[in-house]
Protein backbone atom coordinates (compact mmCIF):
# COMPACT_ATOMS: atom_id res chain seq x y z
CA MET A 1 75.60 19.23 -45.29
CA LEU A 2 74.95 22.63 -46.87
CA ASN A 3 71.22 22.01 -46.33
CA PRO A 4 71.42 20.84 -42.71
CA ALA A 5 68.55 19.33 -40.76
CA GLY A 6 70.55 19.05 -37.54
CA ASP A 7 73.00 21.03 -35.46
CA VAL A 8 76.00 18.80 -36.22
CA ALA A 9 75.49 19.10 -39.98
CA ALA A 10 75.00 22.87 -39.58
CA GLN A 11 78.32 23.24 -37.78
CA GLN A 12 80.08 21.07 -40.36
CA GLY A 13 78.55 23.13 -43.16
CA ASP A 14 79.75 26.36 -41.53
CA LEU A 15 83.23 24.85 -41.27
CA VAL A 16 83.25 24.00 -44.99
CA ILE A 17 82.15 27.53 -45.90
CA LEU A 18 84.75 29.13 -43.63
CA ALA A 19 87.58 26.96 -44.98
CA THR A 20 86.51 27.69 -48.56
CA ALA A 21 86.38 31.45 -47.89
CA LEU A 22 89.88 31.40 -46.37
CA LEU A 23 91.25 29.50 -49.36
CA LEU A 24 89.60 31.94 -51.76
CA LEU A 25 91.53 34.79 -50.10
CA ILE A 26 94.59 33.34 -51.83
CA ILE A 27 93.07 31.72 -54.89
CA VAL A 28 91.13 34.76 -56.18
CA PRO A 29 94.04 37.26 -56.00
CA VAL A 30 96.38 34.72 -57.63
CA MET A 31 93.99 34.13 -60.53
CA VAL A 32 93.45 37.86 -60.99
CA LEU A 33 97.20 38.55 -60.95
CA ILE A 34 97.83 35.81 -63.52
CA ALA A 35 95.43 37.50 -65.95
CA LEU A 36 96.80 40.96 -65.11
CA PHE A 37 100.44 39.99 -65.63
CA ALA A 38 99.65 38.16 -68.86
CA TRP A 39 97.90 41.26 -70.21
CA ARG A 40 100.32 43.88 -68.93
CA TYR A 41 103.49 42.13 -70.06
CA ARG A 42 102.23 40.88 -73.39
CA GLN A 43 104.62 41.24 -76.32
CA ALA A 44 102.59 44.00 -77.98
CA ASN A 45 102.71 46.27 -74.90
CA THR A 46 105.88 48.30 -75.43
CA LYS A 47 105.07 50.61 -72.50
CA ALA A 48 105.59 47.89 -69.87
CA THR A 49 108.88 48.11 -68.00
CA TYR A 50 111.24 45.32 -68.99
CA THR A 51 113.73 44.42 -66.21
CA PRO A 52 115.21 40.99 -66.92
CA GLU A 53 117.85 41.38 -64.15
CA TRP A 54 115.30 41.97 -61.36
CA HIS A 55 115.33 39.12 -58.85
CA HIS A 56 114.32 40.26 -55.34
CA SER A 57 111.88 42.45 -53.40
CA THR A 58 111.68 42.23 -49.61
CA ALA A 59 108.22 43.79 -49.51
CA LEU A 60 106.92 41.38 -52.13
CA GLU A 61 108.45 38.40 -50.32
CA LEU A 62 106.73 39.44 -47.08
CA VAL A 63 103.35 39.66 -48.82
CA ILE A 64 103.82 36.37 -50.68
CA TRP A 65 104.73 34.41 -47.54
CA SER A 66 102.86 36.16 -44.73
CA ALA A 67 99.38 35.95 -46.27
CA PRO A 68 99.42 32.13 -46.76
CA LEU A 69 101.06 31.69 -43.36
CA LEU A 70 98.29 33.63 -41.62
CA ILE A 71 95.64 31.63 -43.47
CA ILE A 72 97.30 28.34 -42.51
CA ILE A 73 97.44 29.43 -38.87
CA CYS A 74 93.76 30.34 -38.97
CA LEU A 75 92.80 27.09 -40.67
CA GLY A 76 94.88 25.13 -38.18
CA ALA A 77 93.17 26.77 -35.21
CA VAL A 78 89.70 26.22 -36.67
CA THR A 79 90.50 22.61 -37.59
CA TRP A 80 91.90 21.87 -34.12
CA THR A 81 88.87 23.19 -32.26
CA SER A 82 86.37 21.69 -34.71
CA THR A 83 88.04 18.28 -34.61
CA HIS A 84 87.31 18.05 -30.89
CA LEU A 85 83.98 19.87 -30.94
CA LEU A 86 82.57 17.74 -33.79
CA ASP A 87 84.19 14.45 -32.76
CA PRO A 88 81.59 11.79 -33.74
CA TYR A 89 82.29 9.93 -30.48
CA ARG A 90 81.52 13.03 -28.39
CA PRO A 91 77.99 13.10 -26.89
CA ILE A 92 75.73 15.87 -28.13
CA GLY A 93 76.11 18.97 -25.95
CA ARG A 94 73.30 21.16 -27.30
CA ILE A 95 70.08 21.00 -29.30
CA ASP A 96 71.11 23.88 -31.53
CA ALA A 97 72.98 27.18 -31.29
CA LYS A 98 70.25 28.76 -29.14
CA ARG A 99 69.11 25.83 -26.99
CA ALA A 100 71.07 23.80 -24.46
CA ILE A 101 70.32 20.15 -23.96
CA SER A 102 68.74 18.94 -20.75
CA ALA A 103 70.92 16.89 -18.42
CA ALA A 104 68.05 14.40 -18.13
CA ALA A 105 67.73 13.92 -21.88
CA LYS A 106 68.14 10.27 -22.86
CA PRO A 107 69.69 9.66 -26.30
CA LEU A 108 67.93 7.46 -28.82
CA ARG A 109 70.17 4.41 -29.24
CA VAL A 110 70.37 2.94 -32.73
CA GLN A 111 72.55 -0.06 -33.58
CA VAL A 112 73.49 -0.13 -37.26
CA VAL A 113 74.73 -3.14 -39.22
CA ALA A 114 75.96 -2.64 -42.78
CA LEU A 115 74.96 -5.76 -44.70
CA ASP A 116 75.48 -6.71 -48.37
CA TRP A 117 73.85 -4.46 -49.69
CA LYS A 118 71.38 -3.08 -47.23
CA TRP A 119 71.23 -1.36 -43.84
CA LEU A 120 69.90 -2.97 -40.67
CA PHE A 121 68.78 -0.66 -37.84
CA ILE A 122 68.15 -2.09 -34.37
CA TYR A 123 66.46 -0.04 -31.65
CA PRO A 124 67.55 -1.87 -28.47
CA ASP A 125 65.46 0.29 -26.12
CA TYR A 126 62.29 -0.44 -28.13
CA GLY A 127 62.98 -4.04 -29.15
CA ILE A 128 62.33 -3.41 -32.85
CA ALA A 129 64.41 -3.44 -36.04
CA THR A 130 64.10 -2.15 -39.59
CA VAL A 131 65.88 -2.62 -42.90
CA ASN A 132 66.57 0.41 -45.11
CA GLU A 133 64.40 2.66 -42.96
CA LEU A 134 65.55 4.91 -40.11
CA ALA A 135 63.43 7.24 -37.98
CA ALA A 136 64.22 9.59 -35.11
CA PRO A 137 62.34 12.23 -33.11
CA LEU A 138 63.20 15.90 -33.40
CA ASP A 139 65.53 17.60 -30.89
CA ARG A 140 66.57 14.34 -29.25
CA PRO A 141 70.21 13.19 -29.33
CA ILE A 142 70.87 10.07 -31.39
CA ALA A 143 73.65 7.68 -30.41
CA PHE A 144 74.59 5.38 -33.29
CA GLU A 145 76.71 2.28 -32.81
CA LEU A 146 77.87 0.77 -36.09
CA THR A 147 79.41 -2.41 -37.42
CA ALA A 148 79.45 -4.39 -40.67
CA SER A 149 78.81 -8.00 -41.58
CA SER A 150 81.49 -8.50 -44.25
CA VAL A 151 83.26 -5.55 -45.90
CA MET A 152 83.81 -1.96 -44.80
CA ASN A 153 81.02 0.52 -45.51
CA SER A 154 80.41 4.16 -44.70
CA PHE A 155 77.19 5.38 -43.09
CA TYR A 156 76.23 8.83 -44.36
CA VAL A 157 73.15 11.03 -44.01
CA PRO A 158 74.40 14.41 -45.32
CA ASN A 159 71.55 16.40 -43.73
CA LEU A 160 72.27 14.84 -40.32
CA ALA A 161 76.05 14.57 -39.81
CA GLY A 162 79.30 13.56 -41.44
CA GLN A 163 80.00 10.04 -42.60
CA ILE A 164 81.32 7.34 -40.25
CA TYR A 165 82.82 4.00 -41.23
CA ALA A 166 81.18 0.67 -40.36
CA MET A 167 83.72 -2.14 -40.24
CA PRO A 168 83.43 -5.88 -39.56
CA GLY A 169 84.69 -7.20 -36.26
CA MET A 170 84.54 -3.83 -34.50
CA THR A 171 82.17 -1.00 -33.65
CA THR A 172 82.28 2.73 -34.32
CA LYS A 173 80.11 5.50 -32.91
CA LEU A 174 78.33 8.57 -34.20
CA ASN A 175 76.41 11.13 -32.15
CA ALA A 176 73.98 13.45 -33.91
CA ILE A 177 70.72 15.34 -33.55
CA VAL A 178 68.00 16.37 -35.99
CA ASN A 179 66.10 19.66 -35.61
CA ARG A 180 64.05 19.91 -38.79
CA PRO A 181 61.35 17.45 -39.91
CA GLY A 182 61.77 15.80 -43.25
CA ASN A 183 62.37 12.67 -45.29
CA PHE A 184 66.09 12.52 -46.04
CA THR A 185 68.37 10.23 -48.02
CA GLY A 186 70.99 8.04 -46.39
CA PHE A 187 73.50 5.86 -48.21
CA SER A 188 76.87 4.17 -48.15
CA SER A 189 79.68 6.47 -49.27
CA ASN A 190 82.26 3.67 -49.51
CA PHE A 191 82.25 1.30 -52.48
CA SER A 192 81.45 -2.21 -51.26
CA GLY A 193 80.69 -4.33 -54.29
CA GLU A 194 78.10 -5.10 -56.92
CA GLY A 195 75.02 -3.80 -55.09
CA PHE A 196 76.67 -0.67 -53.71
CA SER A 197 74.73 1.75 -55.93
CA GLY A 198 71.42 0.60 -54.44
CA MET A 199 72.55 0.71 -50.80
CA HIS A 200 70.25 3.60 -49.89
CA PHE A 201 67.78 4.14 -47.04
CA ARG A 202 65.29 6.79 -45.94
CA PHE A 203 65.75 8.80 -42.77
CA HIS A 204 62.49 10.14 -41.30
CA ALA A 205 62.87 13.05 -38.89
CA VAL A 206 59.52 13.43 -37.14
CA PRO A 207 58.03 14.95 -33.97
CA ALA A 208 58.21 12.80 -30.83
CA GLN A 209 54.54 11.73 -30.97
CA ASP A 210 54.87 10.65 -34.59
CA PHE A 211 57.98 8.64 -33.72
CA ASP A 212 56.05 6.87 -30.93
CA SER A 213 53.28 6.06 -33.41
CA TRP A 214 55.86 4.67 -35.85
CA VAL A 215 57.24 2.41 -33.12
CA ARG A 216 53.75 1.16 -32.22
CA ARG A 217 52.97 0.32 -35.85
CA ILE A 218 56.12 -1.77 -36.11
CA ARG A 219 55.38 -3.58 -32.85
CA THR A 220 51.92 -4.57 -34.05
CA GLY A 221 53.22 -5.67 -37.44
CA GLY A 222 54.66 -8.96 -36.21
CA GLY A 223 57.82 -10.78 -37.20
CA THR A 224 60.97 -11.39 -35.19
CA LEU A 225 64.56 -10.88 -36.22
CA ASP A 226 66.20 -13.93 -34.70
CA ARG A 227 69.67 -15.23 -35.53
CA ALA A 228 68.45 -17.54 -38.29
CA ARG A 229 66.56 -14.67 -39.96
CA TYR A 230 69.62 -12.44 -39.62
CA LEU A 231 71.84 -14.98 -41.38
CA THR A 232 69.34 -15.12 -44.24
CA LEU A 233 69.15 -11.33 -44.35
CA ALA A 234 72.96 -11.01 -44.36
CA LYS A 235 73.24 -12.88 -47.67
CA PRO A 236 74.11 -10.53 -50.56
CA SER A 237 71.07 -8.93 -52.18
CA ALA A 238 70.57 -5.64 -54.01
CA ASP A 239 67.73 -3.10 -53.91
CA THR A 240 66.19 -4.69 -50.81
CA PRO A 241 62.77 -3.23 -49.91
CA VAL A 242 61.98 -1.82 -46.47
CA MET A 243 61.47 -4.50 -43.83
CA ARG A 244 60.25 -4.17 -40.23
CA PHE A 245 60.55 -6.50 -37.25
CA ALA A 246 58.48 -6.33 -34.06
CA GLY A 247 61.09 -8.24 -32.06
CA VAL A 248 64.85 -8.73 -32.02
CA ALA A 249 66.87 -11.62 -30.59
CA PRO A 250 68.76 -10.57 -27.45
CA GLY A 251 72.44 -9.83 -28.05
CA LEU A 252 72.10 -9.91 -31.84
CA PHE A 253 74.10 -6.73 -32.48
CA ASP A 254 76.89 -7.83 -30.15
CA ALA A 255 77.05 -11.19 -31.95
CA ALA A 256 77.10 -9.44 -35.34
CA ALA A 257 79.92 -7.14 -34.22
CA ASN A 258 81.90 -10.14 -32.91
CA ARG A 259 81.12 -12.22 -36.03
CA CYS A 260 79.58 -15.11 -34.13
CA VAL A 261 75.90 -15.09 -35.08
CA ALA A 262 75.91 -18.60 -36.57
CA PRO A 263 75.90 -21.54 -34.14
CA GLY A 264 79.36 -22.85 -33.28
CA GLU A 265 81.23 -19.71 -34.33
CA THR A 266 83.83 -18.36 -31.92
CA CYS A 267 83.31 -14.70 -31.07
CA MET A 268 86.18 -12.39 -31.94
CA ARG A 269 86.08 -11.09 -28.37
CA ASP A 270 86.88 -14.57 -27.06
CA MET A 271 89.55 -15.11 -29.71
CA MET A 272 91.28 -11.86 -28.74
CA MET A 273 91.12 -12.77 -25.05
CA ALA A 274 92.69 -16.14 -25.78
CA ASP A 275 95.27 -14.47 -28.00
CA ALA A 276 96.14 -12.00 -25.27
CA GLY A 277 96.51 -14.87 -22.83
CA SER A 278 98.80 -16.67 -25.26
CA LYS A 279 101.05 -13.63 -25.67
CA HIS A 280 101.14 -13.12 -21.92
CA ALA A 281 102.13 -16.74 -21.38
CA MET A 282 104.92 -16.50 -23.97
CA ALA A 283 106.19 -13.28 -22.40
CA MET A 284 106.24 -14.88 -18.98
CA SER A 285 108.10 -17.94 -20.30
CA ALA A 286 110.80 -15.68 -21.75
CA MET A 287 111.50 -14.07 -18.38
CA PRO A 288 114.50 -15.42 -16.42
CA MET A 289 113.39 -17.52 -13.47
CA SER A 290 115.36 -17.91 -10.25
CA LYS A 291 116.18 -21.47 -9.22
CA PRO A 292 114.01 -22.63 -6.32
CA ALA A 293 115.74 -23.41 -3.06
CA GLY A 294 114.06 -26.76 -2.73
CA PRO A 295 111.75 -29.16 -4.53
CA ILE A 296 108.27 -27.86 -5.40
CA GLU A 297 105.32 -30.12 -4.81
CA ALA A 298 102.62 -30.17 -7.43
CA SER A 299 99.36 -28.56 -6.36
CA THR A 300 96.24 -30.63 -6.91
CA THR A 301 94.12 -27.47 -7.19
CA THR A 302 96.45 -25.93 -9.81
CA ALA A 303 96.40 -29.10 -11.89
CA LYS A 304 92.60 -29.23 -11.73
CA ASN A 305 92.26 -25.55 -12.78
CA SER A 306 94.63 -26.12 -15.69
CA ALA A 307 92.60 -29.09 -16.87
CA ASP A 308 89.37 -27.07 -16.60
CA ASP A 309 90.91 -24.22 -18.64
CA THR A 310 92.05 -26.67 -21.32
CA ALA A 311 88.61 -28.25 -21.59
CA ARG A 312 86.88 -24.87 -21.77
CA LEU A 313 89.09 -23.46 -24.54
CA THR A 314 89.27 -26.60 -26.65
CA GLY A 315 85.49 -26.94 -26.35
CA ALA A 316 85.17 -23.48 -27.88
CA GLY A 317 87.53 -24.35 -30.69
CA LEU A 318 90.40 -22.30 -29.27
CA SER A 319 93.92 -23.32 -28.45
CA MET A 320 95.43 -23.01 -25.01
CA PRO A 321 97.44 -19.83 -24.37
CA GLY A 322 100.99 -20.44 -25.50
CA ALA A 323 100.10 -23.28 -27.87
CA GLN A 324 101.26 -23.09 -31.49
CA ARG A 325 98.50 -22.68 -34.07
CA THR A 326 98.45 -24.07 -37.56
CA ASN A 327 96.33 -22.80 -40.43
């Protein structure tokens, strides 16, 4: 972060330096005064004024409290603006401090899956995937979408941007840009088990033409990342070498994020929809109902729709909304 290769990391590095400088405005004088008071009022110094009954000074109180208060106000203002300006979900608004980004610029989409203990990168617009290798062209916004296969991890390339968590059953986002070519280190900054220490990858920041050449080499290399291959890849393994895939099964990232890659698994999205329907049905049943004025005839269409809903949900392994579940 203090050796940034992109505008986001540069702004975050400036924020760290500014916050540190503001804190040092208090820390340095306090440390100096501690040494000064210890020396001046040492036992051997008989010339120092001894006033054991002294207990208050308005001027001193103003200095002691106003200086930290002003620093806190300044830090609060900087933190507030930076929190919104550097929000990882916020699309990139500029290439760097001197160049604005074109309205027609299309971000490079990268779908990231944190596996045990390796990183899977899917490029949906190019139809390729890599393991433990990430590449991006210079001066082009990068839109990361992240998830995890089992436990929570943290995606971090210090030269690119701040860390962002990757969690199972959900997706997070990170927007960044790289302005300087290089071969940088990426890793997980959240402990995730036995192979955590080897969960590293290389991030290649290259000119646009070199990135296109890298994509072409992967496409001619062969191999497809289908669901069966993904399930094999997701098994725990440490120090996994770089792998490249010329094709990716459609919808693989969405299935990984919803934890339904294996055949017969119910997607979390469908489970939550059924759960929401169950809660809605229970809420409706708790509402007081007015007594009908006359008998109600059963609707053949309603009965048929209800039967179809039951068959659809039970076929997916889900209970009907409102039904009690047992573990």
